[in-house]
Amino acid sequence: MTTSLHRLVDIERYPITEPGSAAWQAEVDRTRAELAELGCRVLPAFISGDALDDLREEGARIAPLAYYDVETVNAYNIDVRTPLPPEHPGRITLERGNAFVARDRIPADAIIHRLYTSPLFQQFLAACFDLPRLHELADPLSGLVLNVVDPGRSHPWHFDVNEFTVSMLTQAPEEGGEFRYCPNIRSAEDENFAAVRSVLDGAGEGLIHRLVLRPGDLQLFQGRYALHQVSTVHGDRARHTAIFAYSEAPGVLGSVARTRQLFGRVLPEHLAAERDAVRVDELLD
């Protein structure tokens, strides 16, 4: 895999094949500092220029396999019919029009799959998040996905289930598709509903950070506590993003409801895991 990574990643800029080296540690330290301050770090041009065309073409090839289902949601991805107080931000509804290609539709030799399963890539990411190690999700659908946002669609404001997210833009739209986020707008102890509602109402402009990502950029993001969205895509080209899902513990699978929402199907593994699920906090999803 080391030889393969040299062909895929700009190793001179991001020496992930040399764990523990001074250059490797310096990149880890920079990432930790930005995550602590902003909850986000972008590693520009992580994928080498020679591999960019393959990265885009592979994503474009599998994008038609995405599960599409335009639906009305809220920022917490809970049932919009859930009884909530009048001022609760969960009462504000949004339209979700993005789609997902499940892991079992992504070829094993695709660049994003080779990265996702690379021990050196995982070791680097774990160090950046200051964790002893990362585990691939045991979920055969949501472990690695391609997020597809077609022209006229967006990925509305939401929180992630995982504390951290790793993603990579594989195809940029002609216009729009800006990543927007509000770092640390909530915590494990405080939902901070008033601030969340101000963003959803359009009054919390000062809380929003904006990023214009480019194909091949690697993004590390703490999305459990950061409200975030992808703005509406314009033009003739969809926005494609690979999402690498890892967990701190082995054996993690998505919930039945969330899996069905994203992929239109569930597997026996999801039904079995639902019976033994344990929550790590009391936040709304």
Protein backbone atom coordinates (compact mmCIF):
# COMPACT_ATOMS: atom_id res chain seq x y z
CA MET A 1 0.00 0.00 0.00
CA THR A 2 2.94 2.37 0.61
CA THR A 3 3.86 2.27 -3.09
CA SER A 4 0.22 2.82 -3.99
CA LEU A 5 -0.03 5.83 -1.68
CA HIS A 6 2.98 7.42 -3.34
CA ARG A 7 1.02 7.42 -6.59
CA LEU A 8 -2.14 8.83 -4.99
CA VAL A 9 -1.09 11.28 -2.28
CA ASP A 10 1.25 14.27 -2.46
CA ILE A 11 3.72 12.54 -0.13
CA GLU A 12 6.24 15.39 -0.21
CA ARG A 13 3.66 17.77 1.23
CA TYR A 14 1.85 15.22 3.40
CA PRO A 15 4.35 12.49 4.44
CA ILE A 16 1.78 10.01 5.69
CA THR A 17 4.03 7.10 4.72
CA GLU A 18 6.56 8.18 7.38
CA PRO A 19 4.68 7.98 10.68
CA GLY A 20 6.61 9.44 13.59
CA SER A 21 8.95 11.49 11.40
CA ALA A 22 9.44 15.19 12.14
CA ALA A 23 7.51 16.22 9.00
CA TRP A 24 4.67 13.78 9.78
CA GLN A 25 4.42 15.05 13.35
CA ALA A 26 4.45 18.68 12.23
CA GLU A 27 1.44 18.05 9.96
CA VAL A 28 -0.34 16.23 12.78
CA ASP A 29 0.34 19.13 15.17
CA ARG A 30 -0.95 21.72 12.68
CA THR A 31 -4.12 19.69 12.18
CA ARG A 32 -4.72 19.25 15.91
CA ALA A 33 -4.31 22.99 16.47
CA GLU A 34 -6.83 23.93 13.79
CA LEU A 35 -9.30 21.30 14.96
CA ALA A 36 -9.05 22.65 18.51
CA GLU A 37 -9.61 26.23 17.33
CA LEU A 38 -12.11 25.81 14.50
CA GLY A 39 -13.26 22.19 14.54
CA CYS A 40 -12.05 21.85 10.94
CA ARG A 41 -8.83 21.41 8.97
CA VAL A 42 -8.47 21.26 5.20
CA LEU A 43 -5.37 19.69 3.67
CA PRO A 44 -5.34 21.27 0.18
CA ALA A 45 -4.34 19.14 -2.82
CA PHE A 46 -3.92 16.03 -0.68
CA ILE A 47 -4.35 13.89 -3.80
CA SER A 48 -1.49 14.29 -6.26
CA GLY A 49 -2.19 16.03 -9.55
CA ASP A 50 -1.59 12.87 -11.57
CA ALA A 51 -4.42 11.07 -9.77
CA LEU A 52 -7.02 13.87 -9.88
CA ASP A 53 -8.53 12.88 -13.22
CA ASP A 54 -8.93 9.27 -12.05
CA LEU A 55 -10.47 10.49 -8.79
CA ARG A 56 -13.10 12.52 -10.65
CA GLU A 57 -13.82 9.85 -13.25
CA GLU A 58 -14.27 7.11 -10.65
CA GLY A 59 -16.76 9.26 -8.73
CA ALA A 60 -18.66 10.21 -11.89
CA ARG A 61 -18.88 6.53 -12.85
CA ILE A 62 -20.56 5.44 -9.61
CA ALA A 63 -22.66 8.58 -8.97
CA PRO A 64 -25.66 7.17 -10.93
CA LEU A 65 -25.81 4.36 -8.34
CA ALA A 66 -26.78 6.81 -5.59
CA TYR A 67 -30.05 6.42 -3.73
CA TYR A 68 -32.18 9.52 -4.34
CA ASP A 69 -35.04 10.56 -2.09
CA VAL A 70 -35.94 14.24 -1.74
CA GLU A 71 -37.48 14.62 1.70
CA THR A 72 -38.44 17.10 4.38
CA VAL A 73 -36.08 16.95 7.35
CA ASN A 74 -34.84 19.03 10.25
CA ALA A 75 -31.30 19.78 11.47
CA TYR A 76 -31.41 16.84 13.90
CA ASN A 77 -32.62 14.24 11.39
CA ILE A 78 -35.43 13.26 13.74
CA ASP A 79 -39.01 12.73 12.62
CA VAL A 80 -40.44 16.16 11.71
CA ARG A 81 -43.69 15.08 13.41
CA THR A 82 -41.93 14.78 16.79
CA PRO A 83 -43.76 16.98 19.36
CA LEU A 84 -41.45 19.87 20.25
CA PRO A 85 -41.85 23.25 22.02
CA PRO A 86 -42.84 26.16 19.74
CA GLU A 87 -39.37 27.76 19.68
CA HIS A 88 -37.44 24.53 19.25
CA PRO A 89 -35.14 24.62 16.17
CA GLY A 90 -36.20 21.07 15.33
CA ARG A 91 -39.55 22.50 14.23
CA ILE A 92 -37.85 24.29 11.32
CA THR A 93 -38.09 22.03 8.28
CA LEU A 94 -35.60 21.81 5.42
CA GLU A 95 -35.48 19.97 2.10
CA ARG A 96 -32.78 17.32 1.75
CA GLY A 97 -31.99 16.55 -1.88
CA ASN A 98 -28.52 15.06 -1.74
CA ALA A 99 -27.99 11.38 -2.44
CA PHE A 100 -25.55 8.67 -1.35
CA VAL A 101 -23.72 5.83 -3.08
CA ALA A 102 -23.32 3.04 -0.51
CA ARG A 103 -20.01 1.34 0.18
CA ASP A 104 -21.11 -1.93 -1.40
CA ARG A 105 -21.47 -0.03 -4.70
CA ILE A 106 -17.92 1.40 -4.60
CA PRO A 107 -15.25 -0.74 -6.34
CA ALA A 108 -12.45 -2.00 -4.10
CA ASP A 109 -9.82 -0.63 -6.50
CA ALA A 110 -11.27 2.91 -6.48
CA ILE A 111 -8.94 5.58 -5.11
CA ILE A 112 -11.30 6.47 -2.27
CA HIS A 113 -11.62 2.82 -1.23
CA ARG A 114 -7.87 2.29 -1.29
CA LEU A 115 -7.40 5.35 0.89
CA TYR A 116 -10.19 4.38 3.27
CA THR A 117 -8.69 0.96 3.96
CA SER A 118 -5.05 2.09 4.10
CA PRO A 119 -3.48 1.48 7.56
CA LEU A 120 -1.08 4.40 7.01
CA PHE A 121 -3.96 6.75 6.15
CA GLN A 122 -5.87 5.57 9.20
CA GLN A 123 -2.82 5.98 11.45
CA PHE A 124 -2.34 9.55 10.25
CA LEU A 125 -6.00 10.43 10.78
CA ALA A 126 -6.07 8.88 14.25
CA ALA A 127 -3.05 10.97 15.26
CA CYS A 128 -4.70 14.13 13.87
CA PHE A 129 -7.79 13.47 15.98
CA ASP A 130 -5.54 12.59 18.94
CA LEU A 131 -6.87 9.05 19.16
CA PRO A 132 -4.92 5.81 19.68
CA ARG A 133 -6.45 4.31 16.53
CA LEU A 134 -9.44 4.43 14.20
CA HIS A 135 -11.65 1.57 13.05
CA GLU A 136 -13.45 1.27 9.74
CA LEU A 137 -17.19 1.16 10.30
CA ALA A 138 -18.47 -2.40 10.33
CA ASP A 139 -21.41 -1.05 8.34
CA PRO A 140 -21.33 -2.45 4.78
CA LEU A 141 -23.34 0.53 3.52
CA SER A 142 -22.22 3.67 5.39
CA GLY A 143 -18.55 2.98 6.08
CA LEU A 144 -17.50 4.73 2.86
CA VAL A 145 -19.95 6.67 0.70
CA LEU A 146 -20.06 9.12 -2.18
CA ASN A 147 -22.28 12.10 -1.43
CA VAL A 148 -23.93 13.43 -4.62
CA VAL A 149 -25.50 16.91 -4.74
CA ASP A 150 -27.08 17.53 -8.13
CA PRO A 151 -27.67 21.02 -9.60
CA GLY A 152 -30.58 22.69 -7.86
CA ARG A 153 -30.08 20.57 -4.72
CA SER A 154 -28.31 21.10 -1.41
CA HIS A 155 -27.34 19.22 1.73
CA PRO A 156 -29.25 21.23 4.35
CA TRP A 157 -28.15 22.23 7.85
CA HIS A 158 -27.51 19.21 10.05
CA PHE A 159 -25.32 17.62 12.73
CA ASP A 160 -23.30 14.44 12.24
CA VAL A 161 -23.79 11.33 14.37
CA ASN A 162 -20.00 10.82 14.61
CA GLU A 163 -17.84 13.27 16.55
CA PHE A 164 -15.45 13.50 13.60
CA THR A 165 -15.81 13.24 9.83
CA VAL A 166 -13.24 12.81 7.06
CA SER A 167 -14.21 13.77 3.52
CA MET A 168 -12.77 14.60 0.12
CA LEU A 169 -14.27 16.53 -2.77
CA THR A 170 -13.92 14.47 -5.95
CA GLN A 171 -15.87 16.74 -8.32
CA ALA A 172 -16.62 20.43 -7.88
CA PRO A 173 -19.81 22.05 -9.22
CA GLU A 174 -19.70 24.94 -11.65
CA GLU A 175 -21.20 27.24 -9.02
CA GLY A 176 -22.47 27.00 -5.46
CA GLY A 177 -21.93 23.95 -3.32
CA GLU A 178 -20.15 25.98 -0.63
CA PHE A 179 -19.44 24.22 2.67
CA ARG A 180 -20.75 26.24 5.61
CA TYR A 181 -20.39 25.41 9.29
CA CYS A 182 -20.80 26.78 12.81
CA PRO A 183 -17.99 25.30 14.94
CA ASN A 184 -18.84 24.16 18.45
CA ILE A 185 -22.33 25.63 18.33
CA ARG A 186 -23.34 22.91 20.78
CA SER A 187 -21.59 20.58 23.20
CA ALA A 188 -22.30 17.20 24.79
CA GLU A 189 -23.74 19.09 27.77
CA ASP A 190 -25.59 21.92 26.03
CA GLU A 191 -27.70 21.81 22.85
CA ASN A 192 -27.65 25.64 22.65
CA PHE A 193 -31.01 25.66 20.88
CA ALA A 194 -31.19 29.47 20.69
CA ALA A 195 -27.99 29.76 18.64
CA VAL A 196 -28.98 26.88 16.37
CA ARG A 197 -32.35 28.49 15.73
CA SER A 198 -30.71 31.83 14.91
CA VAL A 199 -28.68 30.17 12.15
CA LEU A 200 -31.67 28.32 10.75
CA ASP A 201 -33.71 31.55 10.85
CA GLY A 202 -31.03 33.45 8.97
CA ALA A 203 -30.14 35.71 11.89
CA GLY A 204 -26.93 33.96 12.95
CA GLU A 205 -24.72 35.03 10.03
CA GLY A 206 -21.83 35.83 12.36
CA LEU A 207 -21.65 32.22 13.51
CA ILE A 208 -21.11 30.80 10.02
CA HIS A 209 -17.72 29.90 8.53
CA ARG A 210 -17.42 29.26 4.79
CA LEU A 211 -15.13 27.00 2.76
CA VAL A 212 -14.73 26.59 -0.99
CA LEU A 213 -13.20 23.14 -1.42
CA ARG A 214 -11.38 21.84 -4.48
CA PRO A 215 -11.11 18.29 -5.85
CA GLY A 216 -8.45 16.34 -3.99
CA ASP A 217 -8.69 18.43 -0.80
CA LEU A 218 -8.93 16.34 2.38
CA GLN A 219 -11.20 17.74 5.08
CA LEU A 220 -11.12 16.72 8.74
CA PHE A 221 -14.16 17.97 10.59
CA GLN A 222 -15.79 17.69 14.01
CA GLY A 223 -19.40 17.56 12.87
CA ARG A 224 -21.10 16.22 15.99
CA TYR A 225 -21.03 19.67 17.58
CA ALA A 226 -20.93 21.85 14.45
CA LEU A 227 -24.09 22.69 12.53
CA HIS A 228 -23.17 22.51 8.84
CA GLN A 229 -24.54 22.43 5.30
CA VAL A 230 -23.62 22.40 1.61
CA SER A 231 -25.31 25.29 -0.17
CA THR A 232 -27.36 24.84 -3.34
CA VAL A 233 -25.39 23.64 -6.37
CA HIS A 234 -25.79 25.60 -9.62
CA GLY A 235 -24.74 24.94 -13.21
CA ASP A 236 -24.64 21.65 -15.10
CA ARG A 237 -22.24 19.69 -12.91
CA ALA A 238 -23.01 17.85 -9.66
CA ARG A 239 -20.91 18.08 -6.52
CA HIS A 240 -19.34 14.74 -5.48
CA THR A 241 -17.74 14.12 -2.09
CA ALA A 242 -16.29 10.93 -0.64
CA ILE A 243 -17.04 10.49 3.06
CA PHE A 244 -14.69 8.22 5.00
CA ALA A 245 -16.51 7.01 8.12
CA TYR A 246 -14.44 5.72 11.03
CA SER A 247 -15.16 5.13 14.69
CA GLU A 248 -13.15 4.94 17.91
CA ALA A 249 -14.56 1.49 18.71
CA PRO A 250 -14.83 -1.54 16.40
CA GLY A 251 -18.11 -3.00 15.20
CA VAL A 252 -20.10 0.23 14.72
CA LEU A 253 -23.13 0.18 12.39
CA GLY A 254 -25.70 2.82 11.50
CA SER A 255 -29.19 2.83 12.98
CA VAL A 256 -32.02 1.18 11.09
CA ALA A 257 -33.94 4.45 10.62
CA ARG A 258 -30.94 6.48 9.46
CA THR A 259 -29.68 3.72 7.16
CA ARG A 260 -33.07 3.38 5.47
CA GLN A 261 -33.27 7.17 5.12
CA LEU A 262 -29.89 7.43 3.39
CA PHE A 263 -29.80 4.25 1.31
CA GLY A 264 -33.42 3.11 0.97
CA ARG A 265 -32.58 -0.29 2.44
CA VAL A 266 -31.24 -2.02 5.53
CA LEU A 267 -29.37 -5.29 5.98
CA PRO A 268 -29.70 -8.02 8.62
CA GLU A 269 -26.60 -6.57 10.32
CA HIS A 270 -28.45 -3.29 11.00
CA LEU A 271 -31.45 -5.04 12.52
CA ALA A 272 -29.22 -7.09 14.81
CA ALA A 273 -27.16 -4.07 15.91
CA GLU A 274 -30.28 -2.03 16.71
CA ARG A 275 -31.16 -4.42 19.52
CA ASP A 276 -27.83 -3.83 21.26
CA ALA A 277 -27.26 -0.14 20.49
CA VAL A 278 -25.75 2.05 23.21
CA ARG A 279 -25.78 5.86 23.02
CA VAL A 280 -22.67 7.87 23.94
CA ASP A 281 -24.58 11.09 24.72
CA GLU A 282 -28.11 12.44 25.12
CA LEU A 283 -28.02 14.89 22.19
CA LEU A 284 -30.68 14.89 19.55
CA ASP A 285 -29.21 13.31 16.43
